[in-house]
């Protein structure tokens, strides 16, 4: 499949921002754990603080997402909002390199995470501007695939700095430099999407845009509820993506708690990126042949198995096995969730609908880490929280079964 210039630019942004989220998955929580434990914070409490910070960032964005999406639907607003939150995210990433106080670091992380997540509302909705329904699964999969592999470049450079400590720098200084490299990478690779992607679908500007956006949010909520296929899909997505995001965001924190070494964790997570690359592309190919919904159900079953395996995890080699399994499922479930949603929402209101897509995804990302944080504090281990994720995957699977039935009924009626 030959990609257009706008599609390539859109995919390149996935490479840009994925470098930051890879750091969030790997080096940032490890660095934070070191800062906190050096300050005398107990290991299980570190996990609780990290889970809480992730949840706070998520809930802030979740509250803002529908309004931001509704405003962005008006002509010329999508790019402006994208740039504003891009600046917030990149500046936040830069500031992570200038503090060694664990509480200050946690607050700056929340700022960077909110900026990153807000950008994704507008980025995801740009999929309808750069592609067509019959190409969305493939383009979305290409975005995730190249994002996985491309993000490893600044990550590997940072890891080399941390392990080799050139020019007599300390591990702390090397880690801080790696944060700076990630922020610069994020900024530079964003330039093509700013130049080449235009808002194709939009609503005409109106007076009192913000107040009208609030009104549209409630109207859209009613539309979503009345559209049973869309409603079941969003509820299902909320449930299964909760487990997916929790596994991504809490992997290194959980691994550190059960005694997995830092080197093993970083190596395993890097392997996840390389495994995810071909499997994300494969997801786009298989979706064209078998349909996105069937594949999403298959990936949910994989994640149930991953959760069961993760519950008993206590050795480094098991973390490596888990990394491979996650890599096989992660890109497919994320990319096809995004593209299927893009195909069933109104194009000229895509930002608002993707705002709700994001709010459900982000509220999901709130509950998962909080479950692990509560378990860490109340039981002394976040291990039991892993089993709770299975319930969410089962509900997500059931909702997709209902969506699939409605989808088939619609096609039969045409």
Protein backbone atom coordinates (compact mmCIF):
# COMPACT_ATOMS: atom_id res chain seq x y z
CA UNK A 1 0.00 0.00 0.00
CA UNK A 2 1.47 3.33 -1.07
CA UNK A 3 1.08 6.00 1.58
CA UNK A 4 0.19 9.60 0.79
CA UNK A 5 2.28 12.53 2.04
CA UNK A 6 -0.29 13.37 4.72
CA UNK A 7 -0.51 9.72 5.84
CA UNK A 8 3.29 9.53 6.15
CA UNK A 9 3.36 12.76 8.17
CA UNK A 10 0.62 11.45 10.43
CA UNK A 11 2.50 8.18 10.98
CA UNK A 12 5.70 10.11 11.73
CA UNK A 13 4.05 11.78 14.71
CA UNK A 14 3.45 8.33 16.20
CA UNK A 15 7.22 7.83 16.02
CA UNK A 16 7.69 11.24 17.65
CA UNK A 17 5.47 10.85 20.69
CA UNK A 18 6.04 7.12 21.18
CA UNK A 19 9.58 7.93 22.34
CA UNK A 20 8.10 9.75 25.32
CA UNK A 21 5.63 7.00 26.21
CA UNK A 22 8.41 4.40 25.97
CA UNK A 23 10.32 6.42 28.56
CA UNK A 24 7.15 6.56 30.67
CA UNK A 25 7.00 2.77 30.48
CA UNK A 26 10.68 2.12 31.18
CA UNK A 27 13.25 4.68 32.34
CA UNK A 28 11.01 7.34 33.96
CA UNK A 29 9.39 5.03 36.57
CA UNK A 30 12.74 3.35 37.28
CA UNK A 31 14.37 6.76 37.75
CA UNK A 32 11.48 7.88 39.96
CA UNK A 33 11.75 4.71 42.06
CA UNK A 34 15.44 5.47 42.63
CA UNK A 35 14.69 9.07 43.67
CA UNK A 36 11.92 8.04 46.05
CA UNK A 37 13.71 5.08 47.64
CA UNK A 38 16.84 7.20 48.16
CA UNK A 39 14.59 9.62 50.04
CA UNK A 40 13.46 6.79 52.32
CA UNK A 41 10.12 5.86 50.70
CA UNK A 42 9.27 2.15 50.99
CA UNK A 43 9.08 0.07 47.79
CA UNK A 44 5.35 -0.70 47.86
CA UNK A 45 4.55 2.96 48.64
CA UNK A 46 6.61 4.01 45.61
CA UNK A 47 4.33 1.82 43.48
CA UNK A 48 1.31 3.45 45.10
CA UNK A 49 2.62 6.99 44.44
CA UNK A 50 3.40 6.17 40.81
CA UNK A 51 0.00 4.61 40.24
CA UNK A 52 -1.66 7.61 41.86
CA UNK A 53 0.28 10.11 39.73
CA UNK A 54 -0.63 8.21 36.56
CA UNK A 55 -4.27 8.23 37.62
CA UNK A 56 -4.26 11.96 38.42
CA UNK A 57 -2.84 12.79 34.97
CA UNK A 58 -5.42 10.56 33.37
CA UNK A 59 -8.44 11.95 35.21
CA UNK A 60 -7.43 15.57 34.47
CA UNK A 61 -7.34 14.82 30.77
CA UNK A 62 -10.47 12.69 30.92
CA UNK A 63 -12.46 15.62 32.31
CA UNK A 64 -11.09 17.98 29.64
CA UNK A 65 -11.23 15.63 26.63
CA UNK A 66 -14.86 16.00 25.43
CA UNK A 67 -14.78 19.80 25.62
CA UNK A 68 -11.42 20.01 23.88
CA UNK A 69 -12.70 17.66 21.19
CA UNK A 70 -15.89 19.67 20.69
CA UNK A 71 -13.92 22.93 20.32
CA UNK A 72 -11.44 21.28 17.92
CA UNK A 73 -14.25 20.30 15.54
CA UNK A 74 -14.59 23.92 14.46
CA UNK A 75 -12.56 25.01 11.44
CA UNK A 76 -8.97 25.93 12.26
CA UNK A 77 -9.13 24.92 15.94
CA UNK A 78 -7.70 21.39 15.78
CA UNK A 79 -4.17 22.45 14.86
CA UNK A 80 -4.14 25.34 17.38
CA UNK A 81 -5.11 23.09 20.29
CA UNK A 82 -2.69 20.41 19.12
CA UNK A 83 0.22 22.91 19.17
CA UNK A 84 -0.74 24.30 22.59
CA UNK A 85 -0.73 20.91 24.30
CA UNK A 86 2.30 19.80 22.31
CA UNK A 87 4.23 22.70 23.87
CA UNK A 88 2.96 21.68 27.31
CA UNK A 89 4.03 18.06 26.84
CA UNK A 90 7.47 18.79 25.44
CA UNK A 91 8.26 21.44 28.07
CA UNK A 92 7.10 19.03 30.75
CA UNK A 93 9.41 16.36 29.36
CA UNK A 94 12.30 18.83 29.42
CA UNK A 95 11.70 19.73 33.06
CA UNK A 96 11.98 16.09 34.15
CA UNK A 97 15.71 16.53 33.56
CA UNK A 98 16.14 19.40 36.02
CA UNK A 99 14.90 18.06 39.35
CA UNK A 100 16.05 15.37 41.76
CA UNK A 101 13.26 15.92 44.30
CA UNK A 102 10.89 12.97 43.99
CA UNK A 103 7.70 14.90 44.72
CA UNK A 104 8.59 17.69 42.27
CA UNK A 105 9.46 15.05 39.67
CA UNK A 106 6.05 13.45 40.16
CA UNK A 107 4.25 16.77 39.62
CA UNK A 108 6.27 17.55 36.47
CA UNK A 109 5.51 14.09 35.17
CA UNK A 110 1.78 14.79 35.53
CA UNK A 111 2.19 18.00 33.47
CA UNK A 112 4.07 16.19 30.69
CA UNK A 113 1.63 13.28 30.68
CA UNK A 114 -1.41 15.59 30.39
CA UNK A 115 0.21 17.44 27.45
CA UNK A 116 1.05 14.17 25.70
CA UNK A 117 -2.43 12.71 26.20
CA UNK A 118 -4.26 15.87 25.10
CA UNK A 119 -2.27 15.91 21.85
CA UNK A 120 -3.43 12.39 21.16
CA UNK A 121 -7.11 13.46 21.07
CA UNK A 122 -6.38 15.65 18.06
CA UNK A 123 -3.81 13.28 16.57
CA UNK A 124 -6.18 10.30 16.66
CA UNK A 125 -8.99 12.33 15.08
CA UNK A 126 -6.63 13.41 12.29
CA UNK A 127 -6.87 9.81 11.06
CA UNK A 128 -10.19 10.70 9.39
CA UNK A 129 -8.52 13.74 7.74
CA UNK A 130 -5.61 11.81 6.22
CA UNK A 131 -7.27 8.52 5.27
CA UNK A 132 -10.47 6.83 4.08
CA UNK A 133 -12.58 4.12 5.74
CA UNK A 134 -11.11 1.33 3.62
CA UNK A 135 -7.52 2.40 4.48
CA UNK A 136 -7.94 3.28 8.17
CA UNK A 137 -7.08 -0.13 9.65
CA UNK A 138 -3.86 -0.26 7.63
CA UNK A 139 -2.83 3.37 8.24
CA UNK A 140 -3.59 3.15 11.97
CA UNK A 141 -1.60 -0.09 12.21
CA UNK A 142 1.31 1.48 10.33
CA UNK A 143 1.28 4.36 12.81
CA UNK A 144 1.57 2.09 15.83
CA UNK A 145 4.08 -0.19 14.10
CA UNK A 146 6.52 2.56 13.12
CA UNK A 147 5.92 4.24 16.44
CA UNK A 148 7.12 1.12 18.25
CA UNK A 149 10.27 0.68 16.20
CA UNK A 150 11.10 4.38 15.78
CA UNK A 151 10.74 5.15 19.46
CA UNK A 152 13.57 2.75 20.24
CA UNK A 153 16.15 5.03 18.59
CA UNK A 154 16.25 7.81 21.25
CA UNK A 155 15.56 5.17 23.90
CA UNK A 156 18.62 3.10 22.92
CA UNK A 157 20.78 6.24 22.77
CA UNK A 158 19.64 7.08 26.30
CA UNK A 159 20.25 3.56 27.59
CA UNK A 160 23.77 3.56 26.10
CA UNK A 161 24.47 6.83 27.92
CA UNK A 162 23.15 5.39 31.18
CA UNK A 163 25.24 2.21 30.99
CA UNK A 164 28.46 3.68 29.56
CA UNK A 165 28.44 7.03 31.44
CA UNK A 166 30.73 8.81 28.90
CA UNK A 167 32.83 11.87 29.80
CA UNK A 168 32.65 10.97 33.48
CA UNK A 169 28.94 11.75 33.88
CA UNK A 170 26.92 9.99 36.58
CA UNK A 171 23.99 7.62 36.04
CA UNK A 172 21.64 10.38 37.19
CA UNK A 173 23.09 12.86 34.71
CA UNK A 174 22.96 10.29 31.88
CA UNK A 175 19.30 9.57 32.66
CA UNK A 176 18.48 13.28 32.67
CA UNK A 177 20.21 13.71 29.29
CA UNK A 178 18.12 10.83 27.96
CA UNK A 179 14.98 12.76 28.95
CA UNK A 180 16.27 15.79 27.00
CA UNK A 181 16.98 13.65 23.92
CA UNK A 182 13.44 12.27 24.04
CA UNK A 183 11.93 15.76 24.24
CA UNK A 184 13.99 17.01 21.28
CA UNK A 185 13.07 13.91 19.23
CA UNK A 186 9.39 14.48 20.01
CA UNK A 187 9.57 18.11 18.87
CA UNK A 188 11.54 17.62 15.65
CA UNK A 189 9.48 14.73 14.29
CA UNK A 190 6.27 16.67 14.89
CA UNK A 191 7.15 19.26 12.21
CA UNK A 192 5.84 17.21 9.20
CA UNK A 193 2.35 16.76 10.69
CA UNK A 194 2.18 20.51 11.36
CA UNK A 195 3.12 21.25 7.74
CA UNK A 196 1.31 18.54 5.77
CA UNK A 197 -1.88 17.54 7.58
CA UNK A 198 -4.95 19.72 7.14
CA UNK A 199 -8.33 19.59 8.89
CA UNK A 200 -10.49 18.13 6.11
CA UNK A 201 -13.67 17.61 8.14
CA UNK A 202 -14.93 20.42 10.36
CA UNK A 203 -17.85 22.52 11.52
CA UNK A 204 -18.07 26.15 10.45
CA UNK A 205 -16.94 28.66 13.12
CA UNK A 206 -19.66 30.09 15.34
CA UNK A 207 -19.80 32.78 18.05
CA UNK A 208 -19.39 31.60 21.64
CA UNK A 209 -17.52 28.45 20.59
CA UNK A 210 -16.70 27.34 24.14
CA UNK A 211 -20.26 27.61 25.49
CA UNK A 212 -21.63 25.88 22.40
CA UNK A 213 -19.01 23.13 22.85
CA UNK A 214 -20.37 22.41 26.34
CA UNK A 215 -23.87 22.11 24.90
CA UNK A 216 -22.72 19.81 22.12
CA UNK A 217 -21.10 17.46 24.62
CA UNK A 218 -24.46 16.54 26.18
CA UNK A 219 -26.09 16.21 22.77
CA UNK A 220 -23.31 13.86 21.65
CA UNK A 221 -23.65 11.78 24.83
CA UNK A 222 -27.31 11.22 23.99
CA UNK A 223 -26.38 10.29 20.41
CA UNK A 224 -23.83 7.76 21.64
CA UNK A 225 -26.33 6.18 24.03
CA UNK A 226 -29.00 5.90 21.31
CA UNK A 227 -26.51 4.35 18.85
CA UNK A 228 -26.30 0.93 20.50
CA UNK A 229 -23.40 -0.31 18.39
CA UNK A 230 -21.34 2.76 19.27
CA UNK A 231 -22.43 2.60 22.91
CA UNK A 232 -21.54 -1.08 23.36
CA UNK A 233 -18.25 -0.52 21.58
CA UNK A 234 -17.21 2.37 23.83
CA UNK A 235 -18.17 0.45 27.00
CA UNK A 236 -16.25 -2.59 25.77
CA UNK A 237 -13.28 -0.44 24.83
CA UNK A 238 -13.34 1.18 28.28
CA UNK A 239 -13.06 -2.22 29.93
CA UNK A 240 -10.45 -4.00 27.84
CA UNK A 241 -8.21 -0.98 27.24
CA UNK A 242 -8.08 -0.47 31.02
CA UNK A 243 -6.16 -3.71 31.30
CA UNK A 244 -3.96 -2.93 28.30
CA UNK A 245 -2.93 0.52 29.55
CA UNK A 246 -2.37 -0.72 33.09
CA UNK A 247 0.01 -3.40 31.87
CA UNK A 248 1.86 -0.79 29.79
CA UNK A 249 2.12 1.94 32.44
CA UNK A 250 2.77 -0.23 35.50
CA UNK A 251 5.05 -2.92 33.99
CA UNK A 252 8.40 -1.69 35.30
CA UNK A 253 6.97 -0.59 38.65
CA UNK A 254 5.40 -4.03 39.15
CA UNK A 255 8.56 -5.74 37.92
CA UNK A 256 10.69 -3.77 40.39
CA UNK A 257 8.34 -4.70 43.22
CA UNK A 258 8.56 -8.46 42.55
CA UNK A 259 12.36 -8.25 42.29
CA UNK A 260 13.10 -8.12 38.54
CA UNK A 261 16.41 -6.34 37.88
CA UNK A 262 16.48 -3.00 36.07
CA UNK A 263 18.63 -4.34 33.21
CA UNK A 264 16.28 -7.26 32.60
CA UNK A 265 13.21 -5.01 32.65
CA UNK A 266 14.62 -2.47 30.21
CA UNK A 267 15.85 -5.18 27.86
CA UNK A 268 12.49 -6.96 27.93
CA UNK A 269 10.54 -3.78 27.28
CA UNK A 270 12.84 -2.93 24.38
CA UNK A 271 12.15 -6.40 22.99
CA UNK A 272 8.42 -5.62 23.25
CA UNK A 273 8.86 -2.70 20.85
CA UNK A 274 10.65 -4.82 18.24
CA UNK A 275 8.11 -7.64 18.49
CA UNK A 276 5.22 -5.15 18.27
CA UNK A 277 6.49 -3.69 14.98
CA UNK A 278 5.73 -6.62 12.63
CA UNK A 279 2.68 -7.74 14.61
CA UNK A 280 1.08 -4.28 14.41
CA UNK A 281 1.51 -4.27 10.62
CA UNK A 282 0.18 -7.85 10.50
CA UNK A 283 -2.91 -6.68 12.40
CA UNK A 284 -3.74 -4.24 9.59
CA UNK A 285 -3.36 -6.97 6.98
CA UNK A 286 -5.46 -9.50 8.91
CA UNK A 287 -8.15 -6.91 9.66
CA UNK A 288 -8.68 -6.40 5.92
CA UNK A 289 -9.24 -10.14 5.53
CA UNK A 290 -11.08 -11.12 8.74
CA UNK A 291 -12.44 -7.84 10.12
CA UNK A 292 -11.26 -5.68 13.00
CA UNK A 293 -13.79 -6.95 15.55
CA UNK A 294 -12.74 -10.60 15.27
CA UNK A 295 -9.12 -9.63 15.79
CA UNK A 296 -9.93 -7.39 18.75
CA UNK A 297 -11.72 -10.32 20.45
CA UNK A 298 -8.68 -12.52 19.81
CA UNK A 299 -6.32 -9.93 21.34
CA UNK A 300 -8.52 -9.66 24.44
CA UNK A 301 -8.21 -13.43 24.95
CA UNK A 302 -4.44 -13.05 24.64
CA UNK A 303 -4.46 -10.38 27.35
CA UNK A 304 -6.42 -12.63 29.70
CA UNK A 305 -3.62 -15.18 29.32
CA UNK A 306 -1.01 -12.45 29.81
CA UNK A 307 -2.71 -11.34 33.06
CA UNK A 308 -2.77 -14.90 34.43
CA UNK A 309 0.90 -15.33 33.59
CA UNK A 310 1.78 -11.95 35.10
CA UNK A 311 0.07 -12.85 38.39
CA UNK A 312 2.57 -15.61 39.14
CA UNK A 313 5.58 -13.78 37.67
CA UNK A 314 8.65 -13.78 39.94
CA UNK A 315 11.63 -14.49 37.68
CA UNK A 316 13.47 -12.47 35.04
CA UNK A 317 12.92 -14.99 32.22
CA UNK A 318 9.15 -14.83 32.83
CA UNK A 319 9.27 -11.06 32.38
CA UNK A 320 10.92 -11.66 28.97
CA UNK A 321 8.16 -14.11 27.97
CA UNK A 322 5.56 -11.58 29.07
CA UNK A 323 7.28 -8.88 27.01
CA UNK A 324 7.04 -10.99 23.83
CA UNK A 325 3.37 -11.81 24.43
CA UNK A 326 2.48 -8.17 25.07
CA UNK A 327 4.37 -7.14 21.93
CA UNK A 328 2.32 -9.56 19.84
CA UNK A 329 -1.01 -8.16 21.08
CA UNK A 330 -0.39 -4.53 22.01
CA UNK A 331 -0.05 -2.88 18.60
CA UNK A 332 -3.00 -4.73 17.10
CA UNK A 333 -5.47 -4.04 19.89
CA UNK A 334 -4.58 -0.34 20.04
CA UNK A 335 -4.46 0.37 16.30
CA UNK A 336 -7.62 -1.55 15.39
CA UNK A 337 -9.54 -0.02 18.31
CA UNK A 338 -8.70 3.42 16.96
CA UNK A 339 -9.43 2.68 13.30
CA UNK A 340 -12.71 0.82 13.92
CA UNK A 341 -13.95 3.76 16.00
CA UNK A 342 -12.88 6.19 13.28
CA UNK A 343 -15.05 4.30 10.80
CA UNK A 344 -18.26 4.39 12.86
CA UNK A 345 -18.29 8.05 14.03
CA UNK A 346 -19.48 11.16 12.09
CA UNK A 347 -16.43 12.57 10.28
CA UNK A 348 -17.19 16.28 10.75
CA UNK A 349 -17.54 15.76 14.50
CA UNK A 350 -14.63 13.35 14.80
CA UNK A 351 -12.70 15.44 17.34
CA UNK A 352 -15.59 15.46 19.79
CA UNK A 353 -16.23 11.76 19.32
CA UNK A 354 -12.52 11.02 19.71
CA UNK A 355 -12.66 13.19 22.83
CA UNK A 356 -15.13 10.68 24.25
CA UNK A 357 -13.01 7.84 22.92
CA UNK A 358 -10.12 9.37 24.83
CA UNK A 359 -12.13 10.01 27.99
CA UNK A 360 -13.21 6.38 28.15
CA UNK A 361 -9.67 5.28 27.44
CA UNK A 362 -8.25 7.65 30.03
CA UNK A 363 -10.79 6.81 32.72
CA UNK A 364 -9.87 3.20 32.03
CA UNK A 365 -6.21 4.10 32.49
CA UNK A 366 -7.26 5.72 35.79
CA UNK A 367 -8.93 2.67 37.28
CA UNK A 368 -6.27 0.11 36.44
CA UNK A 369 -3.30 1.83 38.11
CA UNK A 370 -5.54 2.78 41.06
CA UNK A 371 -6.50 -0.88 41.51
CA UNK A 372 -2.82 -1.80 41.67
CA UNK A 373 -2.06 1.15 43.98
CA UNK A 374 -4.85 0.17 46.40
CA UNK A 375 -3.70 -3.46 46.39
CA UNK A 376 -0.10 -2.38 46.99
CA UNK A 377 -1.10 -0.40 50.09
CA UNK A 378 -3.74 -2.75 51.54
CA UNK A 379 -2.10 -6.11 50.87
CA UNK A 380 1.58 -5.14 50.68
CA UNK A 381 1.71 -6.24 47.03
CA UNK A 382 0.08 -5.09 43.79
CA UNK A 383 0.09 -8.70 42.51
CA UNK A 384 -3.58 -9.31 43.44
CA UNK A 385 -4.60 -6.32 41.35
CA UNK A 386 -3.47 -8.20 38.22
CA UNK A 387 -6.32 -10.70 38.64
CA UNK A 388 -8.87 -7.87 38.78
CA UNK A 389 -7.85 -6.91 35.24
CA UNK A 390 -9.18 -10.23 33.94
CA UNK A 391 -12.73 -9.25 34.91
CA UNK A 392 -12.40 -6.10 32.80
CA UNK A 393 -11.11 -8.07 29.80
CA UNK A 394 -14.08 -10.48 30.05
CA UNK A 395 -16.60 -7.62 30.10
CA UNK A 396 -14.81 -6.00 27.14
CA UNK A 397 -15.02 -9.25 25.17
CA UNK A 398 -18.75 -9.59 25.90
CA UNK A 399 -19.43 -6.03 24.70
CA UNK A 400 -17.60 -6.68 21.43
CA UNK A 401 -19.73 -9.78 20.87
CA UNK A 402 -22.81 -7.53 21.10
CA UNK A 403 -21.21 -5.01 18.70
CA UNK A 404 -20.44 -7.79 16.23
CA UNK A 405 -24.07 -8.97 16.25
CA UNK A 406 -25.32 -5.44 15.56
CA UNK A 407 -22.71 -5.01 12.83
CA UNK A 408 -23.86 -8.19 11.10
CA UNK A 409 -27.53 -7.14 11.40
CA UNK A 410 -26.73 -3.78 9.77
CA UNK A 411 -24.93 -5.42 6.88
CA UNK A 412 -27.75 -7.94 6.37
CA UNK A 413 -30.28 -5.11 6.22
CA UNK A 414 -28.35 -3.22 3.51
